[in-house]
């Protein structure tokens, strides 16, 4: 069953965050992840949620999503993201 990492991002250091963006795709490879949404235009349809940047990544399973997040392949990029942006991140199991 697929799983999705969903992230709301508020970038505080755009120049260094560009380095993070370049590092992330290769970290997905061993875990089967791929972007579904990566920072496109966000438009609020209801409520007051208005993320500045929104990202969704699909993985083949919840276990693979969590393994990627905790992986050595992502560790350096994760530290850079945490230093350059405020994020809200969840992982959610999808349906078949």
C-alpha atoms as a PDB file:
ATOM      1  CA  UNK A   1       0.000   0.000   0.000  1.00  0.00           C
ATOM      2  CA  UNK A   2       1.517   3.392  -0.911  1.00  0.00           C
ATOM      3  CA  UNK A   3       2.367   6.064   1.626  1.00  0.00           C
ATOM      4  CA  UNK A   4       2.775   9.803   1.272  1.00  0.00           C
ATOM      5  CA  UNK A   5       5.043  12.274   2.995  1.00  0.00           C
ATOM      6  CA  UNK A   6       3.274  15.639   3.064  1.00  0.00           C
ATOM      7  CA  UNK A   7       5.247  18.756   3.930  1.00  0.00           C
ATOM      8  CA  UNK A   8       4.424  22.411   4.503  1.00  0.00           C
ATOM      9  CA  UNK A   9       7.566  24.533   4.242  1.00  0.00           C
ATOM     10  CA  UNK A  10       8.394  28.106   5.186  1.00  0.00           C
ATOM     11  CA  UNK A  11      11.854  28.826   3.801  1.00  0.00           C
ATOM     12  CA  UNK A  12      14.023  31.225   5.827  1.00  0.00           C
ATOM     13  CA  UNK A  13      17.266  30.939   3.835  1.00  0.00           C
ATOM     14  CA  UNK A  14      16.344  30.579   0.140  1.00  0.00           C
ATOM     15  CA  UNK A  15      19.918  30.390  -1.122  1.00  0.00           C
ATOM     16  CA  UNK A  16      20.913  27.452   1.119  1.00  0.00           C
ATOM     17  CA  UNK A  17      17.504  25.836   0.648  1.00  0.00           C
ATOM     18  CA  UNK A  18      18.292  25.528  -3.070  1.00  0.00           C
ATOM     19  CA  UNK A  19      21.151  23.220  -2.060  1.00  0.00           C
ATOM     20  CA  UNK A  20      18.679  21.110  -0.083  1.00  0.00           C
ATOM     21  CA  UNK A  21      16.377  20.853  -3.100  1.00  0.00           C
ATOM     22  CA  UNK A  22      19.275  19.578  -5.214  1.00  0.00           C
ATOM     23  CA  UNK A  23      20.226  16.927  -2.648  1.00  0.00           C
ATOM     24  CA  UNK A  24      16.826  15.338  -2.068  1.00  0.00           C
ATOM     25  CA  UNK A  25      15.943  13.453  -5.296  1.00  0.00           C
ATOM     26  CA  UNK A  26      18.943  11.120  -5.159  1.00  0.00           C
ATOM     27  CA  UNK A  27      18.148  10.271  -1.528  1.00  0.00           C
ATOM     28  CA  UNK A  28      14.804   8.759  -2.648  1.00  0.00           C
ATOM     29  CA  UNK A  29      16.281   6.240  -5.094  1.00  0.00           C
ATOM     30  CA  UNK A  30      16.827   3.294  -2.748  1.00  0.00           C
ATOM     31  CA  UNK A  31      13.408   3.806  -1.146  1.00  0.00           C
ATOM     32  CA  UNK A  32      11.237   4.094  -4.252  1.00  0.00           C
ATOM     33  CA  UNK A  33      10.130   7.668  -3.547  1.00  0.00           C
ATOM     34  CA  UNK A  34       9.093  10.242  -6.120  1.00  0.00           C
ATOM     35  CA  UNK A  35       7.623  13.729  -6.019  1.00  0.00           C
ATOM     36  CA  UNK A  36       3.915  14.229  -6.689  1.00  0.00           C
ATOM     37  CA  UNK A  37       3.961  17.924  -5.749  1.00  0.00           C
ATOM     38  CA  UNK A  38       7.054  20.065  -5.372  1.00  0.00           C
ATOM     39  CA  UNK A  39       6.458  23.704  -4.591  1.00  0.00           C
ATOM     40  CA  UNK A  40       3.822  24.518  -7.181  1.00  0.00           C
ATOM     41  CA  UNK A  41       1.265  27.300  -6.840  1.00  0.00           C
ATOM     42  CA  UNK A  42      -0.959  26.886  -3.767  1.00  0.00           C
ATOM     43  CA  UNK A  43      -4.496  28.264  -3.703  1.00  0.00           C
ATOM     44  CA  UNK A  44      -6.702  28.025  -0.614  1.00  0.00           C
ATOM     45  CA  UNK A  45     -10.208  26.794  -1.410  1.00  0.00           C
ATOM     46  CA  UNK A  46     -11.589  26.608   2.149  1.00  0.00           C
ATOM     47  CA  UNK A  47     -10.390  27.635   5.580  1.00  0.00           C
ATOM     48  CA  UNK A  48      -7.310  29.663   6.384  1.00  0.00           C
ATOM     49  CA  UNK A  49      -4.555  27.181   5.541  1.00  0.00           C
ATOM     50  CA  UNK A  50      -2.145  28.900   3.176  1.00  0.00           C
ATOM     51  CA  UNK A  51       1.217  27.117   2.995  1.00  0.00           C
ATOM     52  CA  UNK A  52       4.049  29.073   1.442  1.00  0.00           C
ATOM     53  CA  UNK A  53       5.542  25.897  -0.071  1.00  0.00           C
ATOM     54  CA  UNK A  54       3.912  22.474  -0.275  1.00  0.00           C
ATOM     55  CA  UNK A  55       5.500  19.120  -1.127  1.00  0.00           C
ATOM     56  CA  UNK A  56       4.113  15.581  -1.481  1.00  0.00           C
ATOM     57  CA  UNK A  57       6.258  12.500  -2.000  1.00  0.00           C
ATOM     58  CA  UNK A  58       4.912   9.028  -2.759  1.00  0.00           C
ATOM     59  CA  UNK A  59       6.614   5.857  -1.527  1.00  0.00           C
ATOM     60  CA  UNK A  60       5.657   2.226  -2.175  1.00  0.00           C
ATOM     61  CA  UNK A  61       4.927   1.660   1.533  1.00  0.00           C
ATOM     62  CA  UNK A  62       4.778   3.326   4.933  1.00  0.00           C
ATOM     63  CA  UNK A  63       7.885   1.386   5.981  1.00  0.00           C
ATOM     64  CA  UNK A  64       9.867   2.687   2.993  1.00  0.00           C
ATOM     65  CA  UNK A  65       8.747   6.281   3.602  1.00  0.00           C
ATOM     66  CA  UNK A  66       9.847   6.134   7.221  1.00  0.00           C
ATOM     67  CA  UNK A  67      13.078   4.362   6.327  1.00  0.00           C
ATOM     68  CA  UNK A  68      13.923   7.153   3.852  1.00  0.00           C
ATOM     69  CA  UNK A  69      13.199   9.867   6.419  1.00  0.00           C
ATOM     70  CA  UNK A  70      15.551   8.172   8.903  1.00  0.00           C
ATOM     71  CA  UNK A  71      18.162   7.131   6.309  1.00  0.00           C
ATOM     72  CA  UNK A  72      21.828   8.000   6.007  1.00  0.00           C
ATOM     73  CA  UNK A  73      21.103   9.051   2.401  1.00  0.00           C
ATOM     74  CA  UNK A  74      18.765  11.801   3.653  1.00  0.00           C
ATOM     75  CA  UNK A  75      20.563  12.776   6.895  1.00  0.00           C
ATOM     76  CA  UNK A  76      22.699  15.621   5.502  1.00  0.00           C
ATOM     77  CA  UNK A  77      19.835  17.064   3.469  1.00  0.00           C
ATOM     78  CA  UNK A  78      17.466  16.802   6.443  1.00  0.00           C
ATOM     79  CA  UNK A  79      19.889  18.757   8.643  1.00  0.00           C
ATOM     80  CA  UNK A  80      20.171  21.437   5.954  1.00  0.00           C
ATOM     81  CA  UNK A  81      16.372  21.675   5.619  1.00  0.00           C
ATOM     82  CA  UNK A  82      15.983  21.992   9.368  1.00  0.00           C
ATOM     83  CA  UNK A  83      18.577  24.797   9.385  1.00  0.00           C
ATOM     84  CA  UNK A  84      17.046  26.753   6.491  1.00  0.00           C
ATOM     85  CA  UNK A  85      13.276  26.310   6.844  1.00  0.00           C
ATOM     86  CA  UNK A  86      10.427  25.701   9.243  1.00  0.00           C
ATOM     87  CA  UNK A  87       8.524  22.576   8.256  1.00  0.00           C
ATOM     88  CA  UNK A  88       5.435  20.655   9.218  1.00  0.00           C
ATOM     89  CA  UNK A  89       5.713  17.054   7.984  1.00  0.00           C
ATOM     90  CA  UNK A  90       3.464  14.026   8.186  1.00  0.00           C
ATOM     91  CA  UNK A  91       3.454  10.573   6.667  1.00  0.00           C
ATOM     92  CA  UNK A  92       0.115   9.058   5.739  1.00  0.00           C
ATOM     93  CA  UNK A  93      -0.774   5.626   4.471  1.00  0.00           C
ATOM     94  CA  UNK A  94      -2.614   5.622   1.160  1.00  0.00           C
ATOM     95  CA  UNK A  95      -5.132   3.218  -0.295  1.00  0.00           C
ATOM     96  CA  UNK A  96      -4.800   0.653  -3.020  1.00  0.00           C
END
